[in-house]
Amino acid sequence: MDWIINDELGLTVGHLVSWTSASFMVVGGVLPYIPQYRQIKQTQDPEGFSLHVCLALLVANTLRILFCVTY
């Protein structure tokens, strides 16, 4: 799976998969908040919204990103 796409860049399929998965991991931490934000904005009612859940998700996603960056 290490086919070289361009000899000058030294870009391999492994690099592309690695960068793509890292990008999805960063963006994927934000995607679940979009429907909730739209619903709160549309109804102007934050019922059911918990700051503790947000804190737990933000800490978990931050730790996940830091783990991926260090390894």
PDB file of N, CA and C in Angstrom:
ATOM      1  N   MET A   1       0.824  -1.203   0.000  1.00  0.00           N
ATOM      2  CA  MET A   1       0.000   0.000   0.000  1.00  0.00           C
ATOM      3  C   MET A   1       0.861   1.257   0.000  1.00  0.00           C
ATOM      4  N   ASP A   2       2.119   1.127  -0.289  1.00  0.00           N
ATOM      5  CA  ASP A   2       3.012   2.280  -0.315  1.00  0.00           C
ATOM      6  C   ASP A   2       3.403   2.657  -1.734  1.00  0.00           C
ATOM      7  N   TRP A   3       2.454   2.713  -2.626  1.00  0.00           N
ATOM      8  CA  TRP A   3       2.734   3.127  -3.986  1.00  0.00           C
ATOM      9  C   TRP A   3       3.067   4.603  -3.998  1.00  0.00           C
ATOM     10  N   ILE A   4       4.059   4.964  -4.750  1.00  0.00           N
ATOM     11  CA  ILE A   4       4.456   6.363  -4.827  1.00  0.00           C
ATOM     12  C   ILE A   4       3.662   7.043  -5.931  1.00  0.00           C
ATOM     13  N   ILE A   5       2.976   8.137  -5.561  1.00  0.00           N
ATOM     14  CA  ILE A   5       2.160   8.869  -6.520  1.00  0.00           C
ATOM     15  C   ILE A   5       3.021   9.823  -7.341  1.00  0.00           C
ATOM     16  N   ASN A   6       3.905  10.519  -6.675  1.00  0.00           N
ATOM     17  CA  ASN A   6       4.746  11.482  -7.365  1.00  0.00           C
ATOM     18  C   ASN A   6       6.157  11.372  -6.792  1.00  0.00           C
ATOM     19  N   ASP A   7       7.135  11.097  -7.646  1.00  0.00           N
ATOM     20  CA  ASP A   7       8.509  10.922  -7.170  1.00  0.00           C
ATOM     21  C   ASP A   7       9.076  12.201  -6.557  1.00  0.00           C
ATOM     22  N   GLU A   8       8.703  13.351  -7.083  1.00  0.00           N
ATOM     23  CA  GLU A   8       9.244  14.610  -6.567  1.00  0.00           C
ATOM     24  C   GLU A   8       8.737  14.902  -5.154  1.00  0.00           C
ATOM     25  N   LEU A   9       7.467  14.643  -4.913  1.00  0.00           N
ATOM     26  CA  LEU A   9       6.896  14.918  -3.591  1.00  0.00           C
ATOM     27  C   LEU A   9       7.142  13.784  -2.602  1.00  0.00           C
ATOM     28  N   GLY A  10       7.326  12.581  -3.112  1.00  0.00           N
ATOM     29  CA  GLY A  10       7.480  11.430  -2.241  1.00  0.00           C
ATOM     30  C   GLY A  10       6.181  11.109  -1.521  1.00  0.00           C
ATOM     31  N   LEU A  11       5.066  11.419  -2.155  1.00  0.00           N
ATOM     32  CA  LEU A  11       3.753  11.232  -1.562  1.00  0.00           C
ATOM     33  C   LEU A  11       3.285   9.798  -1.808  1.00  0.00           C
ATOM     34  N   THR A  12       2.949   9.091  -0.741  1.00  0.00           N
ATOM     35  CA  THR A  12       2.501   7.713  -0.874  1.00  0.00           C
ATOM     36  C   THR A  12       1.035   7.606  -0.467  1.00  0.00           C
ATOM     37  N   VAL A  13       0.430   6.487  -0.778  1.00  0.00           N
ATOM     38  CA  VAL A  13      -0.961   6.247  -0.403  1.00  0.00           C
ATOM     39  C   VAL A  13      -1.086   6.246   1.120  1.00  0.00           C
ATOM     40  N   GLY A  14      -0.090   5.732   1.792  1.00  0.00           N
ATOM     41  CA  GLY A  14      -0.095   5.730   3.256  1.00  0.00           C
ATOM     42  C   GLY A  14      -0.155   7.136   3.827  1.00  0.00           C
ATOM     43  N   HIS A  15       0.586   8.063   3.209  1.00  0.00           N
ATOM     44  CA  HIS A  15       0.535   9.458   3.653  1.00  0.00           C
ATOM     45  C   HIS A  15      -0.852  10.046   3.437  1.00  0.00           C
ATOM     46  N   LEU A  16      -1.441   9.769   2.286  1.00  0.00           N
ATOM     47  CA  LEU A  16      -2.774  10.293   1.991  1.00  0.00           C
ATOM     48  C   LEU A  16      -3.817   9.760   2.970  1.00  0.00           C
ATOM     49  N   VAL A  17      -3.754   8.476   3.253  1.00  0.00           N
ATOM     50  CA  VAL A  17      -4.701   7.883   4.197  1.00  0.00           C
ATOM     51  C   VAL A  17      -4.493   8.473   5.589  1.00  0.00           C
ATOM     52  N   SER A  18      -3.249   8.659   5.971  1.00  0.00           N
ATOM     53  CA  SER A  18      -2.945   9.223   7.284  1.00  0.00           C
ATOM     54  C   SER A  18      -3.475  10.648   7.415  1.00  0.00           C
ATOM     55  N   TRP A  19      -3.224  11.485   6.422  1.00  0.00           N
ATOM     56  CA  TRP A  19      -3.695  12.872   6.467  1.00  0.00           C
ATOM     57  C   TRP A  19      -5.215  12.953   6.407  1.00  0.00           C
ATOM     58  N   THR A  20      -5.836  12.108   5.598  1.00  0.00           N
ATOM     59  CA  THR A  20      -7.293  12.116   5.497  1.00  0.00           C
ATOM     60  C   THR A  20      -7.938  11.685   6.812  1.00  0.00           C
ATOM     61  N   SER A  21      -7.434  10.627   7.408  1.00  0.00           N
ATOM     62  CA  SER A  21      -8.013  10.164   8.671  1.00  0.00           C
ATOM     63  C   SER A  21      -7.779  11.179   9.786  1.00  0.00           C
ATOM     64  N   ALA A  22      -6.618  11.830   9.806  1.00  0.00           N
ATOM     65  CA  ALA A  22      -6.361  12.862  10.814  1.00  0.00           C
ATOM     66  C   ALA A  22      -7.307  14.047  10.625  1.00  0.00           C
ATOM     67  N   SER A  23      -7.574  14.425   9.381  1.00  0.00           N
ATOM     68  CA  SER A  23      -8.496  15.534   9.115  1.00  0.00           C
ATOM     69  C   SER A  23      -9.908  15.192   9.564  1.00  0.00           C
ATOM     70  N   PHE A  24     -10.359  13.974   9.275  1.00  0.00           N
ATOM     71  CA  PHE A  24     -11.691  13.562   9.710  1.00  0.00           C
ATOM     72  C   PHE A  24     -11.782  13.510  11.233  1.00  0.00           C
ATOM     73  N   MET A  25     -10.700  13.166  11.886  1.00  0.00           N
ATOM     74  CA  MET A  25     -10.718  13.106  13.340  1.00  0.00           C
ATOM     75  C   MET A  25     -10.864  14.496  13.947  1.00  0.00           C
ATOM     76  N   VAL A  26     -10.226  15.478  13.341  1.00  0.00           N
ATOM     77  CA  VAL A  26     -10.331  16.851  13.849  1.00  0.00           C
ATOM     78  C   VAL A  26     -11.723  17.410  13.576  1.00  0.00           C
ATOM     79  N   VAL A  27     -12.216  17.240  12.354  1.00  0.00           N
ATOM     80  CA  VAL A  27     -13.523  17.779  11.981  1.00  0.00           C
ATOM     81  C   VAL A  27     -14.644  16.979  12.637  1.00  0.00           C
ATOM     82  N   GLY A  28     -14.451  15.688  12.825  1.00  0.00           N
ATOM     83  CA  GLY A  28     -15.475  14.835  13.402  1.00  0.00           C
ATOM     84  C   GLY A  28     -15.842  15.194  14.830  1.00  0.00           C
ATOM     85  N   GLY A  29     -14.964  15.851  15.552  1.00  0.00           N
ATOM     86  CA  GLY A  29     -15.281  16.282  16.911  1.00  0.00           C
ATOM     87  C   GLY A  29     -16.292  17.401  16.959  1.00  0.00           C
ATOM     88  N   VAL A  30     -16.436  18.129  15.871  1.00  0.00           N
ATOM     89  CA  VAL A  30     -17.346  19.280  15.832  1.00  0.00           C
ATOM     90  C   VAL A  30     -18.693  18.920  15.204  1.00  0.00           C
ATOM     91  N   LEU A  31     -18.713  17.974  14.302  1.00  0.00           N
ATOM     92  CA  LEU A  31     -19.925  17.651  13.547  1.00  0.00           C
ATOM     93  C   LEU A  31     -21.151  17.324  14.401  1.00  0.00           C
ATOM     94  N   PRO A  32     -21.045  16.597  15.512  1.00  0.00           N
ATOM     95  CA  PRO A  32     -22.257  16.301  16.290  1.00  0.00           C
ATOM     96  C   PRO A  32     -22.927  17.536  16.894  1.00  0.00           C
ATOM     97  N   TYR A  33     -22.195  18.623  17.027  1.00  0.00           N
ATOM     98  CA  TYR A  33     -22.774  19.825  17.624  1.00  0.00           C
ATOM     99  C   TYR A  33     -23.643  20.618  16.648  1.00  0.00           C
ATOM    100  N   ILE A  34     -23.463  20.416  15.357  1.00  0.00           N
ATOM    101  CA  ILE A  34     -24.166  21.231  14.365  1.00  0.00           C
ATOM    102  C   ILE A  34     -25.680  21.057  14.424  1.00  0.00           C
ATOM    103  N   PRO A  35     -26.243  19.831  14.430  1.00  0.00           N
ATOM    104  CA  PRO A  35     -27.703  19.719  14.525  1.00  0.00           C
ATOM    105  C   PRO A  35     -28.268  20.294  15.822  1.00  0.00           C
ATOM    106  N   GLN A  36     -27.544  20.109  16.918  1.00  0.00           N
ATOM    107  CA  GLN A  36     -28.002  20.649  18.199  1.00  0.00           C
ATOM    108  C   GLN A  36     -28.009  22.172  18.154  1.00  0.00           C
ATOM    109  N   TYR A  37     -26.984  22.761  17.597  1.00  0.00           N
ATOM    110  CA  TYR A  37     -26.916  24.218  17.481  1.00  0.00           C
ATOM    111  C   TYR A  37     -28.047  24.743  16.611  1.00  0.00           C
ATOM    112  N   ARG A  38     -28.309  24.082  15.491  1.00  0.00           N
ATOM    113  CA  ARG A  38     -29.383  24.514  14.588  1.00  0.00           C
ATOM    114  C   ARG A  38     -30.741  24.435  15.282  1.00  0.00           C
ATOM    115  N   GLN A  39     -30.961  23.365  16.064  1.00  0.00           N
ATOM    116  CA  GLN A  39     -32.233  23.225  16.763  1.00  0.00           C
ATOM    117  C   GLN A  39     -32.397  24.313  17.822  1.00  0.00           C
ATOM    118  N   ILE A  40     -31.367  24.579  18.579  1.00  0.00           N
ATOM    119  CA  ILE A  40     -31.439  25.627  19.605  1.00  0.00           C
ATOM    120  C   ILE A  40     -31.646  26.992  18.956  1.00  0.00           C
ATOM    121  N   LYS A  41     -30.949  27.252  17.868  1.00  0.00           N
ATOM    122  CA  LYS A  41     -31.090  28.533  17.166  1.00  0.00           C
ATOM    123  C   LYS A  41     -32.490  28.693  16.583  1.00  0.00           C
ATOM    124  N   GLN A  42     -33.050  27.612  16.058  1.00  0.00           N
ATOM    125  CA  GLN A  42     -34.357  27.672  15.415  1.00  0.00           C
ATOM    126  C   GLN A  42     -35.477  27.839  16.446  1.00  0.00           C
ATOM    127  N   THR A  43     -35.412  27.099  17.549  1.00  0.00           N
ATOM    128  CA  THR A  43     -36.482  27.153  18.549  1.00  0.00           C
ATOM    129  C   THR A  43     -36.255  28.228  19.601  1.00  0.00           C
ATOM    130  N   GLN A  44     -35.042  28.763  19.679  1.00  0.00           N
ATOM    131  CA  GLN A  44     -34.671  29.741  20.705  1.00  0.00           C
ATOM    132  C   GLN A  44     -34.920  29.191  22.117  1.00  0.00           C
ATOM    133  N   ASP A  45     -34.762  27.858  22.285  1.00  0.00           N
ATOM    134  CA  ASP A  45     -34.989  27.201  23.565  1.00  0.00           C
ATOM    135  C   ASP A  45     -33.888  26.169  23.802  1.00  0.00           C
ATOM    136  N   PRO A  46     -33.015  26.427  24.781  1.00  0.00           N
ATOM    137  CA  PRO A  46     -31.905  25.495  25.023  1.00  0.00           C
ATOM    138  C   PRO A  46     -32.277  24.324  25.934  1.00  0.00           C
ATOM    139  N   GLU A  47     -33.557  23.925  25.954  1.00  0.00           N
ATOM    140  CA  GLU A  47     -33.989  22.822  26.807  1.00  0.00           C
ATOM    141  C   GLU A  47     -33.274  21.524  26.416  1.00  0.00           C
ATOM    142  N   GLY A  48     -32.770  20.839  27.409  1.00  0.00           N
ATOM    143  CA  GLY A  48     -32.063  19.588  27.163  1.00  0.00           C
ATOM    144  C   GLY A  48     -30.581  19.775  26.883  1.00  0.00           C
ATOM    145  N   PHE A  49     -30.134  21.018  26.825  1.00  0.00           N
ATOM    146  CA  PHE A  49     -28.722  21.292  26.572  1.00  0.00           C
ATOM    147  C   PHE A  49     -27.973  21.272  27.895  1.00  0.00           C
ATOM    148  N   SER A  50     -26.929  20.484  27.982  1.00  0.00           N
ATOM    149  CA  SER A  50     -26.166  20.360  29.215  1.00  0.00           C
ATOM    150  C   SER A  50     -24.728  20.817  29.000  1.00  0.00           C
ATOM    151  N   LEU A  51     -24.299  21.768  29.813  1.00  0.00           N
ATOM    152  CA  LEU A  51     -22.918  22.229  29.728  1.00  0.00           C
ATOM    153  C   LEU A  51     -21.939  21.150  30.187  1.00  0.00           C
ATOM    154  N   HIS A  52     -22.371  20.270  31.064  1.00  0.00           N
ATOM    155  CA  HIS A  52     -21.490  19.200  31.536  1.00  0.00           C
ATOM    156  C   HIS A  52     -21.181  18.206  30.424  1.00  0.00           C
ATOM    157  N   VAL A  53     -22.173  17.920  29.595  1.00  0.00           N
ATOM    158  CA  VAL A  53     -21.939  17.025  28.464  1.00  0.00           C
ATOM    159  C   VAL A  53     -20.976  17.674  27.474  1.00  0.00           C
ATOM    160  N   CYS A  54     -21.172  18.970  27.242  1.00  0.00           N
ATOM    161  CA  CYS A  54     -20.258  19.695  26.345  1.00  0.00           C
ATOM    162  C   CYS A  54     -18.833  19.657  26.883  1.00  0.00           C
ATOM    163  N   LEU A  55     -18.682  19.884  28.167  1.00  0.00           N
ATOM    164  CA  LEU A  55     -17.353  19.852  28.769  1.00  0.00           C
ATOM    165  C   LEU A  55     -16.719  18.476  28.611  1.00  0.00           C
ATOM    166  N   ALA A  56     -17.475  17.427  28.880  1.00  0.00           N
ATOM    167  CA  ALA A  56     -16.937  16.067  28.748  1.00  0.00           C
ATOM    168  C   ALA A  56     -16.539  15.776  27.305  1.00  0.00           C
ATOM    169  N   LEU A  57     -17.361  16.173  26.332  1.00  0.00           N
ATOM    170  CA  LEU A  57     -17.037  15.932  24.927  1.00  0.00           C
ATOM    171  C   LEU A  57     -15.826  16.740  24.473  1.00  0.00           C
ATOM    172  N   LEU A  58     -15.738  17.983  24.911  1.00  0.00           N
ATOM    173  CA  LEU A  58     -14.588  18.806  24.531  1.00  0.00           C
ATOM    174  C   LEU A  58     -13.288  18.257  25.112  1.00  0.00           C
ATOM    175  N   VAL A  59     -13.318  17.824  26.355  1.00  0.00           N
ATOM    176  CA  VAL A  59     -12.119  17.241  26.967  1.00  0.00           C
ATOM    177  C   VAL A  59     -11.739  15.947  26.256  1.00  0.00           C
ATOM    178  N   ALA A  60     -12.734  15.100  25.972  1.00  0.00           N
ATOM    179  CA  ALA A  60     -12.451  13.827  25.295  1.00  0.00           C
ATOM    180  C   ALA A  60     -11.873  14.060  23.900  1.00  0.00           C
ATOM    181  N   ASN A  61     -12.447  14.994  23.158  1.00  0.00           N
ATOM    182  CA  ASN A  61     -11.947  15.255  21.804  1.00  0.00           C
ATOM    183  C   ASN A  61     -10.564  15.898  21.837  1.00  0.00           C
ATOM    184  N   THR A  62     -10.320  16.768  22.810  1.00  0.00           N
ATOM    185  CA  THR A  62      -8.999  17.375  22.935  1.00  0.00           C
ATOM    186  C   THR A  62      -7.950  16.315  23.253  1.00  0.00           C
ATOM    187  N   LEU A  63      -8.264  15.416  24.159  1.00  0.00           N
ATOM    188  CA  LEU A  63      -7.324  14.344  24.491  1.00  0.00           C
ATOM    189  C   LEU A  63      -7.097  13.419  23.301  1.00  0.00           C
ATOM    190  N   ARG A  64      -8.147  13.163  22.532  1.00  0.00           N
ATOM    191  CA  ARG A  64      -8.008  12.312  21.341  1.00  0.00           C
ATOM    192  C   ARG A  64      -7.078  12.961  20.325  1.00  0.00           C
ATOM    193  N   ILE A  65      -7.233  14.263  20.122  1.00  0.00           N
ATOM    194  CA  ILE A  65      -6.374  14.975  19.169  1.00  0.00           C
ATOM    195  C   ILE A  65      -4.931  14.989  19.665  1.00  0.00           C
ATOM    196  N   LEU A  66      -4.741  15.267  20.946  1.00  0.00           N
ATOM    197  CA  LEU A  66      -3.384  15.276  21.496  1.00  0.00           C
ATOM    198  C   LEU A  66      -2.735  13.899  21.397  1.00  0.00           C
ATOM    199  N   PHE A  67      -3.517  12.857  21.601  1.00  0.00           N
ATOM    200  CA  PHE A  67      -2.983  11.500  21.478  1.00  0.00           C
ATOM    201  C   PHE A  67      -2.531  11.230  20.054  1.00  0.00           C
ATOM    202  N   CYS A  68      -3.337  11.650  19.089  1.00  0.00           N
ATOM    203  CA  CYS A  68      -2.983  11.410  17.681  1.00  0.00           C
ATOM    204  C   CYS A  68      -1.776  12.231  17.255  1.00  0.00           C
ATOM    205  N   VAL A  69      -1.641  13.411  17.803  1.00  0.00           N
ATOM    206  CA  VAL A  69      -0.508  14.267  17.432  1.00  0.00           C
ATOM    207  C   VAL A  69       0.801  13.701  17.986  1.00  0.00           C
ATOM    208  N   THR A  70       0.745  13.133  19.178  1.00  0.00           N
ATOM    209  CA  THR A  70       1.979  12.642  19.796  1.00  0.00           C
ATOM    210  C   THR A  70       2.400  11.287  19.243  1.00  0.00           C
ATOM    211  N   TYR A  71       1.495  10.540  18.627  1.00  0.00           N
ATOM    212  CA  TYR A  71       1.847   9.211  18.104  1.00  0.00           C
ATOM    213  C   TYR A  71       1.729   9.156  16.640  1.00  0.00           C
TER     214      TYR A  71
END
